[in-house]
Amino acid sequence: MEASYGDDLLVERRPGNIFVITMKRGPENRLNVKYCQKMIKVYHDIQNELGGNKEGGPDSDGAVILKGNDYKYFTTGLDLDERDSSAFTSSDGFYPLLHTIVDFPYPTIALITGHVFGGACLLAMSHDYRIMNSRRGFFSMPPANLGLHFDGMGSLLRAKLAPQVARKVLLEAHKFTGKEAFQDGVVDAIAEPEQMFDVALQYAEKWKSKSKMGVYGVLRNELLGDAAEKFQKLSYVHSRPTNRRPKLKL
């Protein structure tokens, strides 16, 4: 399987049931509703390709790598301008995407090729493993600086990070370099730009067999606690606000 879902998203199937999704929505891979929904379709298509749509769950091993298309950006987060015209951008696109990934029945790796800001940090954190550029790019969630809030944004951080690190990410809006992110456990590895993809492939190859017994996604949800449930409940909700609009924009 090698397919393009338009000019801004590329999917490649590599040997050994490893799928590589490349975001190409220039200039910064900003996440709007249409793009999030397109990414959801990609994850579903991969699951179907690997057999995850059959009764009894996955019947093969496999893994997914999500990456940016250059060394400058992974993605700089949600398209805040889109929120001016619709109150449901997060519930129609972003939350369903997060839930799709945390519920995915195969190991997932986020290859953080460059800068990752705001909601994109949660996109990276929703994956099982994170590999970050050791030379370029910051990992930073600035909602405390922008007056911005999304329901459930702390649940994933609580599940994956030490309390002091989660505070540093969310309340202090710290801009992590690759080295700092690795030291604090925000990412699992850092690598030189030219070696990052090979490292991500090594992670995918190492852990892909863990999905073979059909319980990988179920076990992940045990670890994540209420994060997956929150994202599911916030998806496609039109009856109440699920976010606070930013006072500033990036």
Protein backbone atom coordinates (compact mmCIF):
# COMPACT_ATOMS: atom_id res chain seq x y z
CA MET A 1 0.00 0.00 0.00
CA GLU A 2 1.41 3.31 -1.08
CA ALA A 3 -1.13 6.06 -1.48
CA SER A 4 -1.50 9.79 -1.50
CA TYR A 5 -4.55 11.25 0.20
CA GLY A 6 -4.12 14.45 -1.75
CA ASP A 7 -1.00 16.56 -1.98
CA ASP A 8 -0.75 17.07 1.76
CA LEU A 9 -0.66 13.50 3.13
CA LEU A 10 1.39 10.53 1.96
CA VAL A 11 1.13 6.93 3.16
CA GLU A 12 3.76 4.31 2.43
CA ARG A 13 3.76 0.64 3.36
CA ARG A 14 7.27 -0.60 4.00
CA PRO A 15 8.40 -4.22 4.37
CA GLY A 16 7.31 -5.89 7.56
CA ASN A 17 3.87 -4.24 7.85
CA ILE A 18 5.31 -0.87 8.85
CA PHE A 19 3.28 2.09 7.61
CA VAL A 20 4.75 5.58 7.31
CA ILE A 21 2.41 8.59 7.28
CA THR A 22 4.01 11.85 6.14
CA MET A 23 2.28 15.16 6.81
CA LYS A 24 2.85 17.60 3.94
CA ARG A 25 0.40 20.41 4.64
CA GLY A 26 2.66 23.39 4.19
CA PRO A 27 4.04 25.46 5.56
CA GLU A 28 3.69 24.13 9.13
CA ASN A 29 1.35 21.12 8.90
CA ARG A 30 -1.37 23.00 10.80
CA LEU A 31 -4.28 20.79 11.88
CA ASN A 32 -7.71 21.86 10.65
CA VAL A 33 -10.89 19.78 10.68
CA LYS A 34 -10.54 18.50 7.14
CA TYR A 35 -6.93 17.45 7.69
CA CYS A 36 -7.67 15.73 11.00
CA GLN A 37 -10.53 13.81 9.39
CA LYS A 38 -8.26 12.81 6.53
CA MET A 39 -5.70 11.50 9.03
CA ILE A 40 -8.42 9.54 10.82
CA LYS A 41 -9.28 7.85 7.53
CA VAL A 42 -5.62 6.95 7.03
CA TYR A 43 -5.37 5.24 10.42
CA HIS A 44 -8.62 3.38 9.75
CA ASP A 45 -7.44 2.31 6.30
CA ILE A 46 -4.18 1.00 7.77
CA GLN A 47 -6.09 -0.90 10.44
CA ASN A 48 -8.29 -2.46 7.78
CA GLU A 49 -5.25 -3.28 5.66
CA LEU A 50 -3.66 -5.13 8.55
CA GLY A 51 -6.80 -7.05 9.40
CA GLY A 52 -8.01 -5.06 12.36
CA ASN A 53 -11.52 -4.86 10.92
CA LYS A 54 -12.03 -8.61 11.25
CA GLU A 55 -13.88 -10.16 14.14
CA GLY A 56 -11.47 -10.98 16.95
CA GLY A 57 -9.16 -8.01 16.34
CA PRO A 58 -5.80 -7.77 14.59
CA ASP A 59 -4.47 -10.99 13.10
CA SER A 60 -1.03 -9.72 12.13
CA ASP A 61 1.78 -7.63 13.49
CA GLY A 62 2.30 -4.06 12.34
CA ALA A 63 3.19 -0.53 13.35
CA VAL A 64 2.67 3.07 12.21
CA ILE A 65 5.11 5.99 12.06
CA LEU A 66 3.76 9.55 11.77
CA LYS A 67 6.30 12.16 10.67
CA GLY A 68 6.72 15.65 9.29
CA ASN A 69 8.08 16.14 5.80
CA ASP A 70 11.14 18.24 6.72
CA TYR A 71 13.48 19.07 9.59
CA LYS A 72 11.82 22.40 10.38
CA TYR A 73 8.34 21.32 11.45
CA PHE A 74 6.52 18.27 12.73
CA THR A 75 3.34 20.29 13.13
CA THR A 76 2.67 23.58 14.89
CA GLY A 77 -0.75 22.59 16.12
CA LEU A 78 -4.34 23.53 15.49
CA ASP A 79 -5.45 26.06 12.91
CA LEU A 80 -6.71 28.73 15.32
CA ASP A 81 -8.07 30.91 12.51
CA GLU A 82 -10.55 28.16 11.63
CA ARG A 83 -11.98 28.40 15.15
CA ASP A 84 -13.22 31.92 14.40
CA SER A 85 -15.80 30.51 12.00
CA SER A 86 -16.82 27.37 13.90
CA ALA A 87 -17.09 26.44 17.57
CA PHE A 88 -16.82 22.74 16.74
CA THR A 89 -13.43 22.48 15.07
CA SER A 90 -11.91 20.54 17.95
CA SER A 91 -14.86 18.22 18.52
CA ASP A 92 -15.20 17.47 14.78
CA GLY A 93 -11.52 16.93 14.01
CA PHE A 94 -8.91 17.12 16.75
CA TYR A 95 -10.55 15.05 19.51
CA PRO A 96 -11.65 12.27 17.14
CA LEU A 97 -8.10 12.10 15.78
CA LEU A 98 -6.61 11.77 19.27
CA HIS A 99 -9.12 9.08 20.15
CA THR A 100 -8.43 7.21 16.92
CA ILE A 101 -4.71 7.04 17.76
CA VAL A 102 -4.99 6.13 21.45
CA ASP A 103 -7.48 3.40 20.48
CA PHE A 104 -5.40 2.12 17.55
CA PRO A 105 -4.66 -1.64 17.89
CA TYR A 106 -1.03 -1.43 16.70
CA PRO A 107 2.10 0.30 18.08
CA THR A 108 2.49 3.91 16.97
CA ILE A 109 5.57 6.12 16.72
CA ALA A 110 5.65 9.90 16.32
CA LEU A 111 8.78 10.99 14.49
CA ILE A 112 9.11 14.61 15.62
CA THR A 113 11.15 15.99 12.76
CA GLY A 114 11.02 19.63 13.88
CA HIS A 115 8.96 22.11 15.89
CA VAL A 116 5.88 20.80 17.66
CA PHE A 117 3.60 23.32 19.38
CA GLY A 118 0.27 23.46 21.16
CA GLY A 119 -2.25 20.75 20.34
CA ALA A 120 0.36 19.06 18.18
CA CYS A 121 2.13 18.11 21.40
CA LEU A 122 -0.93 16.07 22.33
CA LEU A 123 -0.90 14.53 18.86
CA ALA A 124 2.69 13.43 19.47
CA MET A 125 1.90 12.27 23.03
CA SER A 126 -1.03 10.17 21.79
CA HIS A 127 1.49 7.88 20.07
CA ASP A 128 3.17 5.09 22.01
CA TYR A 129 6.72 6.25 21.26
CA ARG A 130 8.27 9.58 20.32
CA ILE A 131 11.56 10.17 18.49
CA MET A 132 12.75 13.79 18.34
CA ASN A 133 15.23 15.73 16.26
CA SER A 134 18.32 16.23 18.43
CA ARG A 135 19.47 19.35 16.60
CA ARG A 136 16.40 21.38 15.71
CA GLY A 137 12.90 22.01 16.98
CA PHE A 138 11.10 22.79 20.23
CA PHE A 139 8.37 20.86 22.01
CA SER A 140 6.09 23.41 23.64
CA MET A 141 2.48 23.72 24.80
CA PRO A 142 1.74 27.46 25.26
CA PRO A 143 -1.95 27.54 26.36
CA ALA A 144 -1.01 29.21 29.67
CA ASN A 145 0.56 32.02 27.64
CA LEU A 146 -2.36 32.33 25.22
CA GLY A 147 -5.38 32.04 27.51
CA LEU A 148 -6.31 28.84 25.67
CA HIS A 149 -7.94 25.68 27.03
CA PHE A 150 -9.13 22.38 25.58
CA ASP A 151 -11.12 19.94 27.67
CA GLY A 152 -9.10 16.87 28.53
CA MET A 153 -5.74 18.31 27.55
CA GLY A 154 -4.18 17.38 30.90
CA SER A 155 -5.42 13.79 30.97
CA LEU A 156 -2.92 12.47 28.46
CA LEU A 157 -0.04 14.34 30.08
CA ARG A 158 -0.94 12.92 33.50
CA ALA A 159 -0.99 9.42 32.10
CA LYS A 160 2.37 9.65 30.35
CA LEU A 161 4.55 12.05 32.30
CA ALA A 162 5.82 12.48 35.84
CA PRO A 163 3.76 15.12 37.72
CA GLN A 164 6.61 17.65 37.76
CA VAL A 165 7.14 17.22 34.03
CA ALA A 166 3.41 17.50 33.25
CA ARG A 167 3.37 20.75 35.23
CA LYS A 168 6.39 21.97 33.30
CA VAL A 169 4.66 21.19 30.00
CA LEU A 170 1.20 22.57 30.71
CA LEU A 171 1.45 25.24 33.42
CA GLU A 172 4.92 26.58 32.71
CA ALA A 173 4.71 26.31 28.89
CA HIS A 174 8.35 25.25 28.82
CA LYS A 175 10.04 25.10 25.41
CA PHE A 176 11.84 21.77 25.45
CA THR A 177 14.82 21.18 23.23
CA GLY A 178 15.27 17.62 22.05
CA LYS A 179 17.84 16.99 24.78
CA GLU A 180 15.58 18.39 27.51
CA ALA A 181 12.59 16.43 26.24
CA PHE A 182 14.61 13.22 26.36
CA GLN A 183 15.96 13.93 29.84
CA ASP A 184 12.46 14.59 31.19
CA GLY A 185 10.91 11.57 29.50
CA VAL A 186 8.74 13.56 27.11
CA VAL A 187 10.31 11.64 24.21
CA ASP A 188 11.80 8.16 24.12
CA ALA A 189 14.83 8.95 21.99
CA ILE A 190 16.60 11.75 20.15
CA ALA A 191 18.62 11.33 17.01
CA GLU A 192 20.54 13.27 14.41
CA PRO A 193 18.27 14.48 11.59
CA GLU A 194 19.76 12.06 9.07
CA GLN A 195 19.32 9.12 11.47
CA MET A 196 15.88 9.87 12.93
CA PHE A 197 13.90 7.83 10.44
CA ASP A 198 16.12 4.78 10.91
CA VAL A 199 15.63 5.04 14.68
CA ALA A 200 11.85 5.23 14.22
CA LEU A 201 11.97 2.16 11.97
CA GLN A 202 13.94 0.31 14.64
CA TYR A 203 11.25 1.09 17.21
CA ALA A 204 8.52 -0.02 14.80
CA GLU A 205 10.34 -3.23 13.98
CA LYS A 206 11.04 -3.98 17.64
CA TRP A 207 7.49 -3.55 18.93
CA LYS A 208 5.25 -4.44 15.98
CA SER A 209 4.81 -8.06 17.10
CA LYS A 210 3.15 -6.95 20.35
CA SER A 211 -0.09 -6.34 18.47
CA LYS A 212 -0.35 -9.90 17.22
CA MET A 213 -2.48 -11.24 20.08
CA GLY A 214 -5.19 -8.65 19.46
CA VAL A 215 -5.15 -6.88 22.85
CA TYR A 216 -2.62 -4.08 22.27
CA GLY A 217 -5.17 -1.28 22.06
CA VAL A 218 -7.11 -2.63 25.04
CA LEU A 219 -3.97 -2.77 27.18
CA ARG A 220 -2.95 0.74 26.13
CA ASN A 221 -6.31 2.04 27.32
CA GLU A 222 -5.63 0.43 30.70
CA LEU A 223 -2.49 2.55 30.95
CA LEU A 224 -4.05 5.78 29.75
CA GLY A 225 -6.83 5.74 32.33
CA ASP A 226 -9.52 8.28 31.49
CA ALA A 227 -7.69 9.99 28.61
CA ALA A 228 -9.14 7.77 25.89
CA GLU A 229 -12.61 7.99 27.40
CA LYS A 230 -12.41 11.78 27.61
CA PHE A 231 -11.38 12.13 23.96
CA GLN A 232 -14.19 9.84 22.88
CA LYS A 233 -16.80 11.76 24.88
CA LEU A 234 -15.54 15.09 23.51
CA SER A 235 -15.71 13.93 19.90
CA TYR A 236 -18.58 15.25 17.77
CA VAL A 237 -20.07 17.17 20.71
CA HIS A 238 -22.13 20.15 19.54
CA SER A 239 -24.23 20.74 22.65
CA ARG A 240 -21.64 22.56 24.74
CA PRO A 241 -18.31 24.37 24.38
CA THR A 242 -15.27 22.13 24.72
CA ASN A 243 -12.62 24.82 24.64
CA ARG A 244 -11.80 28.36 25.63
CA ARG A 245 -10.82 30.61 22.78
CA PRO A 246 -7.28 32.00 22.90
CA LYS A 247 -6.69 35.62 23.82
CA LEU A 248 -3.61 35.60 21.60
CA LYS A 249 -2.70 33.74 18.43
CA LEU A 250 0.57 32.26 17.34
